[in-house]
Amino acid sequence: NNTSGTTYGVYGRSISTSGRGVYGYASATSGYAYGVYGRSDSTTGRGVSGHASALTGTAYGVYGSTSSPSGFAGYFDGDVVVNGTLIKTSGTFKIDHPLEPDRK
């Protein structure tokens, strides 16, 4: 219940080479069920934050995947900022035409 400093609502830790510090699972087969949900009311907060601290190797701060052929590993409802290089292995970009942005 602290109102300042670094505090945790939930803290999990695993030292296993294939462990998870915190694991959330929503077993409902319909509806909007969330395995893990993050929220912040702070004007400079983050609802969910990830950080991979390894100095070598291919580590991911945030990783998403899906088994559904019509699903998305990541879905953003709102503006997205990429501060760094954007790499994609396939597909297309959906953007406004630079000379006719009103016509999409």
Foldseek 3Di string as FASTA:
>chain_A
DDPDDDDDPDWFDDPDPPDDRDWFDDPDPDDDDDRDWFDDPDPPDDRDWFDDDDPDDDDDRDWFDDPDPPDDRDDDDDDDDDDDDDDDDDDDDDAADPVCNVVD
